[in-house]
Protein backbone atom coordinates (compact mmCIF):
# COMPACT_ATOMS: atom_id res chain seq x y z
CA UNK A 1 127.34 101.50 121.04
CA UNK A 2 124.66 98.73 120.07
CA UNK A 3 121.21 100.23 119.72
CA UNK A 4 118.42 98.03 120.84
CA UNK A 5 115.20 97.70 119.06
CA UNK A 6 112.94 99.33 121.78
CA UNK A 7 115.16 102.35 121.58
CA UNK A 8 114.78 102.48 117.54
CA UNK A 9 111.05 101.85 117.77
CA UNK A 10 110.77 104.73 120.19
CA UNK A 11 112.75 107.09 118.22
CA UNK A 12 110.97 106.20 114.70
CA UNK A 13 107.50 106.20 116.50
CA UNK A 14 108.05 109.63 117.94
CA UNK A 15 109.31 111.09 114.47
CA UNK A 16 106.18 109.41 112.70
CA UNK A 17 104.06 111.05 115.28
CA UNK A 18 105.53 114.75 114.36
CA UNK A 19 108.13 115.13 116.79
CA UNK A 20 111.09 117.09 115.47
CA UNK A 21 114.54 115.53 115.20
CA UNK A 22 116.03 117.99 117.58
CA UNK A 23 113.44 117.20 120.40
CA UNK A 24 113.86 113.34 119.93
CA UNK A 25 117.45 113.90 120.11
CA UNK A 26 117.34 115.92 123.44
CA UNK A 27 115.13 113.44 124.82
CA UNK A 28 117.23 110.45 124.15
CA UNK A 29 120.66 112.24 124.88
CA UNK A 30 122.14 112.09 121.36
CA UNK A 31 122.34 114.35 118.14
CA UNK A 32 119.63 114.96 115.80
CA UNK A 33 121.86 113.83 112.86
CA UNK A 34 122.09 110.50 114.66
CA UNK A 35 118.13 110.59 115.15
CA UNK A 36 117.79 111.37 111.46
CA UNK A 37 120.18 108.29 110.48
CA UNK A 38 118.03 105.93 112.88
CA UNK A 39 114.85 106.80 111.20
CA UNK A 40 116.56 106.66 107.49
CA UNK A 41 117.90 103.26 108.09
CA UNK A 42 114.54 101.96 109.59
CA UNK A 43 112.49 103.52 106.71
CA UNK A 44 115.04 101.84 104.30
CA UNK A 45 114.52 98.46 105.95
CA UNK A 46 110.63 98.57 105.98
CA UNK A 47 110.71 99.62 102.30
CA UNK A 48 113.01 96.55 101.28
CA UNK A 49 110.44 94.47 103.21
CA UNK A 50 107.44 96.10 101.63
CA UNK A 51 108.97 95.66 98.38
CA UNK A 52 109.53 91.97 98.72
CA UNK A 53 106.31 91.00 100.42
CA UNK A 54 103.50 92.30 97.66
CA UNK A 55 105.16 90.05 95.16
CA UNK A 56 105.04 86.94 97.44
CA UNK A 57 101.96 87.62 99.40
CA UNK A 58 99.77 89.40 96.80
CA UNK A 59 101.00 87.52 93.55
CA UNK A 60 99.63 83.92 94.36
CA UNK A 61 96.29 84.84 95.65
CA UNK A 62 95.51 87.42 92.93
CA UNK A 63 96.48 84.57 90.29
CA UNK A 64 94.37 82.09 92.22
CA UNK A 65 91.46 84.53 92.18
CA UNK A 66 92.00 85.21 88.41
CA UNK A 67 92.09 81.42 87.48
CA UNK A 68 89.08 80.81 89.65
CA UNK A 69 87.14 83.45 87.62
CA UNK A 70 88.69 82.27 84.46
CA UNK A 71 87.32 78.57 85.12
CA UNK A 72 83.82 80.04 86.12
CA UNK A 73 83.60 81.87 83.00
CA UNK A 74 84.62 79.10 80.66
CA UNK A 75 82.26 76.78 82.38
CA UNK A 76 79.41 78.79 82.14
CA UNK A 77 80.32 79.73 78.40
CA UNK A 78 80.99 76.30 77.47
CA UNK A 79 77.57 75.16 78.96
CA UNK A 80 75.54 77.78 77.01
CA UNK A 81 77.53 77.25 73.75
CA UNK A 82 76.96 73.55 73.58
CA UNK A 83 73.33 73.51 75.02
CA UNK A 84 72.33 76.35 72.77
CA UNK A 85 73.95 75.51 69.54
CA UNK A 86 75.31 79.13 69.43
CA UNK A 87 77.03 80.87 66.60
CA UNK A 88 80.63 79.12 67.18
CA UNK A 89 79.31 75.79 65.48
CA UNK A 90 77.51 77.58 62.54
CA UNK A 91 80.51 79.77 61.75
CA UNK A 92 82.84 77.19 60.31
CA UNK A 93 80.07 76.12 57.96
CA UNK A 94 79.76 79.43 56.18
């Protein structure tokens, strides 16, 4: 028997809202073990998706933000050192 996504979604949402496996099984006409298997497989699929997405979606923007902040800090630090004649030029002369 092929299970459609509406059925799986209904079973998973019922379980996430606190309905017992036995109650879900009775409502949909299957065994509690079958319901447990549906929930387990769905949760495993979600975990795989979540593990893949943060590396792809969060890595690039975080790196872009770090690069932008690093450039701003270098620009402001470079401007103050060059304009003020700070300690960096006098250190090699000691």
